[in-house]
Amino acid sequence: LAAVDLATPALTAELHIAVNGSDENSGARKS
């Protein structure tokens, strides 16, 4: 079970878009 857990990481990202943003930013809520 430990081997299966390491093989399938559950990493997801939340990317934010705003009219005052920049494509040079990181996509985080504050940038």
PDB file of all heavy atoms in Angstrom:
ATOM      1  N   LEU A   1       0.823  -1.204   0.000  1.00  0.00           N
ATOM      2  CA  LEU A   1       0.000   0.000   0.000  1.00  0.00           C
ATOM      3  C   LEU A   1       0.857   1.254   0.000  1.00  0.00           C
ATOM      4  O   LEU A   1       0.533   2.228  -0.662  1.00  0.00           O
ATOM      5  CB  LEU A   1      -0.941   0.000   1.213  1.00  0.00           C
ATOM      6  CG  LEU A   1      -2.066  -1.021   1.169  1.00  0.00           C
ATOM      7  CD1 LEU A   1      -2.852  -0.995   2.473  1.00  0.00           C
ATOM      8  CD2 LEU A   1      -2.981  -0.777  -0.007  1.00  0.00           C
ATOM      9  N   ALA A   2       1.961   1.232   0.696  1.00  0.00           N
ATOM     10  CA  ALA A   2       2.858   2.378   0.720  1.00  0.00           C
ATOM     11  C   ALA A   2       3.432   2.626  -0.670  1.00  0.00           C
ATOM     12  O   ALA A   2       3.558   3.765  -1.102  1.00  0.00           O
ATOM     13  CB  ALA A   2       3.967   2.167   1.736  1.00  0.00           C
ATOM     14  N   ALA A   3       3.758   1.576  -1.391  1.00  0.00           N
ATOM     15  CA  ALA A   3       4.302   1.718  -2.731  1.00  0.00           C
ATOM     16  C   ALA A   3       3.260   2.321  -3.674  1.00  0.00           C
ATOM     17  O   ALA A   3       3.575   3.172  -4.498  1.00  0.00           O
ATOM     18  CB  ALA A   3       4.781   0.375  -3.256  1.00  0.00           C
ATOM     19  N   VAL A   4       2.017   1.918  -3.557  1.00  0.00           N
ATOM     20  CA  VAL A   4       0.961   2.470  -4.391  1.00  0.00           C
ATOM     21  C   VAL A   4       0.752   3.940  -4.053  1.00  0.00           C
ATOM     22  O   VAL A   4       0.582   4.777  -4.923  1.00  0.00           O
ATOM     23  CB  VAL A   4      -0.362   1.679  -4.206  1.00  0.00           C
ATOM     24  CG1 VAL A   4      -1.520   2.390  -4.883  1.00  0.00           C
ATOM     25  CG2 VAL A   4      -0.203   0.277  -4.758  1.00  0.00           C
ATOM     26  N   ASP A   5       0.782   4.290  -2.778  1.00  0.00           N
ATOM     27  CA  ASP A   5       0.618   5.673  -2.356  1.00  0.00           C
ATOM     28  C   ASP A   5       1.691   6.575  -2.954  1.00  0.00           C
ATOM     29  O   ASP A   5       1.407   7.677  -3.396  1.00  0.00           O
ATOM     30  CB  ASP A   5       0.697   5.749  -0.822  1.00  0.00           C
ATOM     31  CG  ASP A   5      -0.552   6.357  -0.227  1.00  0.00           C
ATOM     32  OD1 ASP A   5      -1.493   6.622  -0.987  1.00  0.00           O
ATOM     33  OD2 ASP A   5      -0.559   6.569   0.993  1.00  0.00           O
ATOM     34  N   LEU A   6       2.921   6.122  -2.997  1.00  0.00           N
ATOM     35  CA  LEU A   6       4.014   6.923  -3.537  1.00  0.00           C
ATOM     36  C   LEU A   6       3.945   7.026  -5.052  1.00  0.00           C
ATOM     37  O   LEU A   6       4.385   8.003  -5.630  1.00  0.00           O
ATOM     38  CB  LEU A   6       5.359   6.324  -3.125  1.00  0.00           C
ATOM     39  CG  LEU A   6       5.659   6.349  -1.624  1.00  0.00           C
ATOM     40  CD1 LEU A   6       6.953   5.590  -1.352  1.00  0.00           C
ATOM     41  CD2 LEU A   6       5.753   7.772  -1.114  1.00  0.00           C
ATOM     42  N   ALA A   7       3.365   6.031  -5.691  1.00  0.00           N
ATOM     43  CA  ALA A   7       3.324   6.007  -7.146  1.00  0.00           C
ATOM     44  C   ALA A   7       2.231   6.907  -7.712  1.00  0.00           C
ATOM     45  O   ALA A   7       2.279   7.291  -8.866  1.00  0.00           O
ATOM     46  CB  ALA A   7       3.111   4.570  -7.637  1.00  0.00           C
ATOM     47  N   THR A   8       1.233   7.280  -6.919  1.00  0.00           N
ATOM     48  CA  THR A   8       0.129   8.086  -7.421  1.00  0.00           C
ATOM     49  C   THR A   8      -0.062   9.333  -6.561  1.00  0.00           C
ATOM     50  O   THR A   8      -0.961   9.401  -5.747  1.00  0.00           O
ATOM     51  CB  THR A   8      -1.181   7.273  -7.437  1.00  0.00           C
ATOM     52  OG1 THR A   8      -1.423   6.789  -6.119  1.00  0.00           O
ATOM     53  CG2 THR A   8      -1.120   6.115  -8.398  1.00  0.00           C
ATOM     54  N   PRO A   9       0.798  10.329  -6.724  1.00  0.00           N
ATOM     55  CA  PRO A   9       0.641  11.540  -5.919  1.00  0.00           C
ATOM     56  C   PRO A   9      -0.619  12.301  -6.324  1.00  0.00           C
ATOM     57  O   PRO A   9      -0.973  12.355  -7.492  1.00  0.00           O
ATOM     58  CB  PRO A   9       1.888  12.350  -6.242  1.00  0.00           C
ATOM     59  CG  PRO A   9       2.311  11.872  -7.579  1.00  0.00           C
ATOM     60  CD  PRO A   9       1.910  10.410  -7.638  1.00  0.00           C
ATOM     61  N   ALA A  10      -1.300  12.865  -5.352  1.00  0.00           N
ATOM     62  CA  ALA A  10      -2.541  13.596  -5.603  1.00  0.00           C
ATOM     63  C   ALA A  10      -2.271  15.093  -5.554  1.00  0.00           C
ATOM     64  O   ALA A  10      -2.817  15.816  -4.741  1.00  0.00           O
ATOM     65  CB  ALA A  10      -3.591  13.188  -4.580  1.00  0.00           C
ATOM     66  N   LEU A  11      -1.393  15.566  -6.424  1.00  0.00           N
ATOM     67  CA  LEU A  11      -1.056  16.979  -6.448  1.00  0.00           C
ATOM     68  C   LEU A  11      -1.894  17.680  -7.504  1.00  0.00           C
ATOM     69  O   LEU A  11      -1.879  17.308  -8.672  1.00  0.00           O
ATOM     70  CB  LEU A  11       0.427  17.177  -6.771  1.00  0.00           C
ATOM     71  CG  LEU A  11       1.407  16.570  -5.772  1.00  0.00           C
ATOM     72  CD1 LEU A  11       2.834  16.744  -6.265  1.00  0.00           C
ATOM     73  CD2 LEU A  11       1.231  17.199  -4.406  1.00  0.00           C
ATOM     74  N   THR A  12      -2.640  18.674  -7.091  1.00  0.00           N
ATOM     75  CA  THR A  12      -3.402  19.477  -8.025  1.00  0.00           C
ATOM     76  C   THR A  12      -3.084  20.940  -7.751  1.00  0.00           C
ATOM     77  O   THR A  12      -2.636  21.301  -6.673  1.00  0.00           O
ATOM     78  CB  THR A  12      -4.913  19.248  -7.885  1.00  0.00           C
ATOM     79  OG1 THR A  12      -5.313  19.615  -6.561  1.00  0.00           O
ATOM     80  CG2 THR A  12      -5.288  17.800  -8.141  1.00  0.00           C
ATOM     81  N   ALA A  13      -3.328  21.766  -8.737  1.00  0.00           N
ATOM     82  CA  ALA A  13      -3.059  23.195  -8.594  1.00  0.00           C
ATOM     83  C   ALA A  13      -4.341  23.973  -8.834  1.00  0.00           C
ATOM     84  O   ALA A  13      -5.239  23.518  -9.535  1.00  0.00           O
ATOM     85  CB  ALA A  13      -1.993  23.630  -9.593  1.00  0.00           C
ATOM     86  N   GLU A  14      -4.418  25.150  -8.246  1.00  0.00           N
ATOM     87  CA  GLU A  14      -5.501  26.082  -8.550  1.00  0.00           C
ATOM     88  C   GLU A  14      -4.860  27.308  -9.180  1.00  0.00           C
ATOM     89  O   GLU A  14      -4.024  27.977  -8.567  1.00  0.00           O
ATOM     90  CB  GLU A  14      -6.275  26.473  -7.295  1.00  0.00           C
ATOM     91  CG  GLU A  14      -7.426  27.398  -7.609  1.00  0.00           C
ATOM     92  CD  GLU A  14      -8.302  27.706  -6.424  1.00  0.00           C
ATOM     93  OE1 GLU A  14      -7.985  27.257  -5.299  1.00  0.00           O
ATOM     94  OE2 GLU A  14      -9.304  28.402  -6.618  1.00  0.00           O
ATOM     95  N   LEU A  15      -5.222  27.571 -10.418  1.00  0.00           N
ATOM     96  CA  LEU A  15      -4.683  28.701 -11.155  1.00  0.00           C
ATOM     97  C   LEU A  15      -5.731  29.802 -11.203  1.00  0.00           C
ATOM     98  O   LEU A  15      -6.910  29.530 -11.453  1.00  0.00           O
ATOM     99  CB  LEU A  15      -4.309  28.270 -12.576  1.00  0.00           C
ATOM    100  CG  LEU A  15      -3.322  27.109 -12.671  1.00  0.00           C
ATOM    101  CD1 LEU A  15      -3.172  26.653 -14.113  1.00  0.00           C
ATOM    102  CD2 LEU A  15      -1.982  27.504 -12.096  1.00  0.00           C
ATOM    103  N   HIS A  16      -5.310  31.035 -10.982  1.00  0.00           N
ATOM    104  CA  HIS A  16      -6.235  32.173 -10.969  1.00  0.00           C
ATOM    105  C   HIS A  16      -5.964  33.072 -12.161  1.00  0.00           C
ATOM    106  O   HIS A  16      -4.823  33.269 -12.571  1.00  0.00           O
ATOM    107  CB  HIS A  16      -6.079  32.965  -9.668  1.00  0.00           C
ATOM    108  CG  HIS A  16      -6.559  32.212  -8.475  1.00  0.00           C
ATOM    109  ND1 HIS A  16      -7.839  32.338  -8.000  1.00  0.00           N
ATOM    110  CD2 HIS A  16      -5.955  31.302  -7.685  1.00  0.00           C
ATOM    111  CE1 HIS A  16      -7.993  31.540  -6.942  1.00  0.00           C
ATOM    112  NE2 HIS A  16      -6.851  30.905  -6.746  1.00  0.00           N
ATOM    113  N   ILE A  17      -7.064  33.666 -12.674  1.00  0.00           N
ATOM    114  CA  ILE A  17      -6.985  34.580 -13.799  1.00  0.00           C
ATOM    115  C   ILE A  17      -7.764  35.832 -13.423  1.00  0.00           C
ATOM    116  O   ILE A  17      -8.868  35.743 -12.885  1.00  0.00           O
ATOM    117  CB  ILE A  17      -7.597  33.955 -15.065  1.00  0.00           C
ATOM    118  CG1 ILE A  17      -6.888  32.653 -15.385  1.00  0.00           C
ATOM    119  CG2 ILE A  17      -7.528  34.915 -16.240  1.00  0.00           C
ATOM    120  CD1 ILE A  17      -7.653  31.759 -16.294  1.00  0.00           C
ATOM    121  N   ALA A  18      -7.206  36.995 -13.696  1.00  0.00           N
ATOM    122  CA  ALA A  18      -7.885  38.264 -13.427  1.00  0.00           C
ATOM    123  C   ALA A  18      -7.500  39.272 -14.500  1.00  0.00           C
ATOM    124  O   ALA A  18      -6.403  39.200 -15.065  1.00  0.00           O
ATOM    125  CB  ALA A  18      -7.511  38.803 -12.042  1.00  0.00           C
ATOM    126  N   VAL A  19      -8.398  40.201 -14.770  1.00  0.00           N
ATOM    127  CA  VAL A  19      -8.129  41.195 -15.816  1.00  0.00           C
ATOM    128  C   VAL A  19      -6.949  42.094 -15.468  1.00  0.00           C
ATOM    129  O   VAL A  19      -6.331  42.677 -16.362  1.00  0.00           O
ATOM    130  CB  VAL A  19      -9.388  42.039 -16.130  1.00  0.00           C
ATOM    131  CG1 VAL A  19     -10.447  41.195 -16.781  1.00  0.00           C
ATOM    132  CG2 VAL A  19      -9.921  42.705 -14.893  1.00  0.00           C
ATOM    133  N   ASN A  20      -6.615  42.211 -14.190  1.00  0.00           N
ATOM    134  CA  ASN A  20      -5.464  43.024 -13.791  1.00  0.00           C
ATOM    135  C   ASN A  20      -4.214  42.176 -13.562  1.00  0.00           C
ATOM    136  O   ASN A  20      -3.228  42.671 -13.035  1.00  0.00           O
ATOM    137  CB  ASN A  20      -5.783  43.841 -12.539  1.00  0.00           C
ATOM    138  CG  ASN A  20      -6.085  42.966 -11.340  1.00  0.00           C
ATOM    139  OD1 ASN A  20      -6.339  41.774 -11.490  1.00  0.00           O
ATOM    140  ND2 ASN A  20      -6.079  43.537 -10.158  1.00  0.00           N
ATOM    141  N   GLY A  21      -4.237  40.920 -13.983  1.00  0.00           N
ATOM    142  CA  GLY A  21      -3.092  40.037 -13.799  1.00  0.00           C
ATOM    143  C   GLY A  21      -2.072  40.161 -14.923  1.00  0.00           C
ATOM    144  O   GLY A  21      -2.170  41.032 -15.785  1.00  0.00           O
ATOM    145  N   SER A  22      -1.104  39.264 -14.902  1.00  0.00           N
ATOM    146  CA  SER A  22      -0.062  39.224 -15.932  1.00  0.00           C
ATOM    147  C   SER A  22       0.309  37.762 -16.179  1.00  0.00           C
ATOM    148  O   SER A  22       0.390  36.974 -15.235  1.00  0.00           O
ATOM    149  CB  SER A  22       1.174  39.992 -15.470  1.00  0.00           C
ATOM    150  OG  SER A  22       2.255  39.741 -16.341  1.00  0.00           O
ATOM    151  N   ASP A  23       0.542  37.419 -17.419  1.00  0.00           N
ATOM    152  CA  ASP A  23       0.960  36.047 -17.725  1.00  0.00           C
ATOM    153  C   ASP A  23       2.364  35.753 -17.225  1.00  0.00           C
ATOM    154  O   ASP A  23       2.820  34.613 -17.261  1.00  0.00           O
ATOM    155  CB  ASP A  23       0.839  35.766 -19.221  1.00  0.00           C
ATOM    156  CG  ASP A  23      -0.614  35.585 -19.645  1.00  0.00           C
ATOM    157  OD1 ASP A  23      -1.471  35.382 -18.766  1.00  0.00           O
ATOM    158  OD2 ASP A  23      -0.882  35.647 -20.858  1.00  0.00           O
ATOM    159  N   GLU A  24       3.067  36.762 -16.740  1.00  0.00           N
ATOM    160  CA  GLU A  24       4.382  36.569 -16.122  1.00  0.00           C
ATOM    161  C   GLU A  24       4.250  36.161 -14.650  1.00  0.00           C
ATOM    162  O   GLU A  24       5.222  35.746 -14.031  1.00  0.00           O
ATOM    163  CB  GLU A  24       5.207  37.855 -16.214  1.00  0.00           C
ATOM    164  CG  GLU A  24       5.465  38.312 -17.645  1.00  0.00           C
ATOM    165  CD  GLU A  24       6.288  37.318 -18.439  1.00  0.00           C
ATOM    166  OE1 GLU A  24       7.254  36.760 -17.877  1.00  0.00           O
ATOM    167  OE2 GLU A  24       5.962  37.096 -19.612  1.00  0.00           O
ATOM    168  N   ASN A  25       3.051  36.289 -14.076  1.00  0.00           N
ATOM    169  CA  ASN A  25       2.815  35.931 -12.676  1.00  0.00           C
ATOM    170  C   ASN A  25       2.780  34.420 -12.499  1.00  0.00           C
ATOM    171  O   ASN A  25       2.805  33.658 -13.465  1.00  0.00           O
ATOM    172  CB  ASN A  25       1.496  36.542 -12.185  1.00  0.00           C
ATOM    173  CG  ASN A  25       1.575  38.039 -12.038  1.00  0.00           C
ATOM    174  OD1 ASN A  25       2.653  38.603 -12.013  1.00  0.00           O
ATOM    175  ND2 ASN A  25       0.424  38.671 -11.953  1.00  0.00           N
ATOM    176  N   SER A  26       2.644  33.995 -11.258  1.00  0.00           N
ATOM    177  CA  SER A  26       2.643  32.560 -10.926  1.00  0.00           C
ATOM    178  C   SER A  26       1.277  31.911 -11.074  1.00  0.00           C
ATOM    179  O   SER A  26       1.172  30.695 -11.067  1.00  0.00           O
ATOM    180  CB  SER A  26       3.132  32.366  -9.491  1.00  0.00           C
ATOM    181  OG  SER A  26       2.198  32.919  -8.581  1.00  0.00           O
ATOM    182  N   GLY A  27       0.220  32.698 -11.160  1.00  0.00           N
ATOM    183  CA  GLY A  27      -1.122  32.127 -11.257  1.00  0.00           C
ATOM    184  C   GLY A  27      -1.769  31.907  -9.901  1.00  0.00           C
ATOM    185  O   GLY A  27      -2.885  31.402  -9.822  1.00  0.00           O
ATOM    186  N   ALA A  28      -1.088  32.293  -8.829  1.00  0.00           N
ATOM    187  CA  ALA A  28      -1.652  32.177  -7.486  1.00  0.00           C
ATOM    188  C   ALA A  28      -2.727  33.242  -7.301  1.00  0.00           C
ATOM    189  O   ALA A  28      -2.839  34.183  -8.093  1.00  0.00           O
ATOM    190  CB  ALA A  28      -0.554  32.350  -6.442  1.00  0.00           C
ATOM    191  N   ARG A  29      -3.513  33.110  -6.248  1.00  0.00           N
ATOM    192  CA  ARG A  29      -4.593  34.060  -5.991  1.00  0.00           C
ATOM    193  C   ARG A  29      -4.076  35.503  -5.916  1.00  0.00           C
ATOM    194  O   ARG A  29      -4.687  36.419  -6.435  1.00  0.00           O
ATOM    195  CB  ARG A  29      -5.313  33.706  -4.696  1.00  0.00           C
ATOM    196  CG  ARG A  29      -6.448  34.686  -4.362  1.00  0.00           C
ATOM    197  CD  ARG A  29      -7.147  34.341  -3.074  1.00  0.00           C
ATOM    198  NE  ARG A  29      -8.031  33.210  -3.178  1.00  0.00           N
ATOM    199  CZ  ARG A  29      -9.281  33.272  -3.666  1.00  0.00           C
ATOM    200  NH1 ARG A  29      -9.756  34.406  -4.100  1.00  0.00           N
ATOM    201  NH2 ARG A  29     -10.028  32.190  -3.707  1.00  0.00           N
ATOM    202  N   LYS A  30      -2.924  35.694  -5.302  1.00  0.00           N
ATOM    203  CA  LYS A  30      -2.377  37.044  -5.140  1.00  0.00           C
ATOM    204  C   LYS A  30      -1.565  37.522  -6.347  1.00  0.00           C
ATOM    205  O   LYS A  30      -1.209  38.687  -6.424  1.00  0.00           O
ATOM    206  CB  LYS A  30      -1.530  37.120  -3.879  1.00  0.00           C
ATOM    207  CG  LYS A  30      -2.364  36.956  -2.618  1.00  0.00           C
ATOM    208  CD  LYS A  30      -1.551  37.146  -1.379  1.00  0.00           C
ATOM    209  CE  LYS A  30      -2.457  37.037  -0.168  1.00  0.00           C
ATOM    210  NZ  LYS A  30      -1.738  37.257   1.071  1.00  0.00           N
ATOM    211  N   SER A  31      -1.256  36.635  -7.264  1.00  0.00           N
ATOM    212  CA  SER A  31      -0.547  37.032  -8.490  1.00  0.00           C
ATOM    213  C   SER A  31      -1.119  36.232  -9.671  1.00  0.00           C
ATOM    214  O   SER A  31      -0.494  35.314 -10.192  1.00  0.00           O
ATOM    215  CB  SER A  31       0.958  36.815  -8.354  1.00  0.00           C
ATOM    216  OG  SER A  31       1.249  35.462  -8.113  1.00  0.00           O
TER     217      SER A  31
END
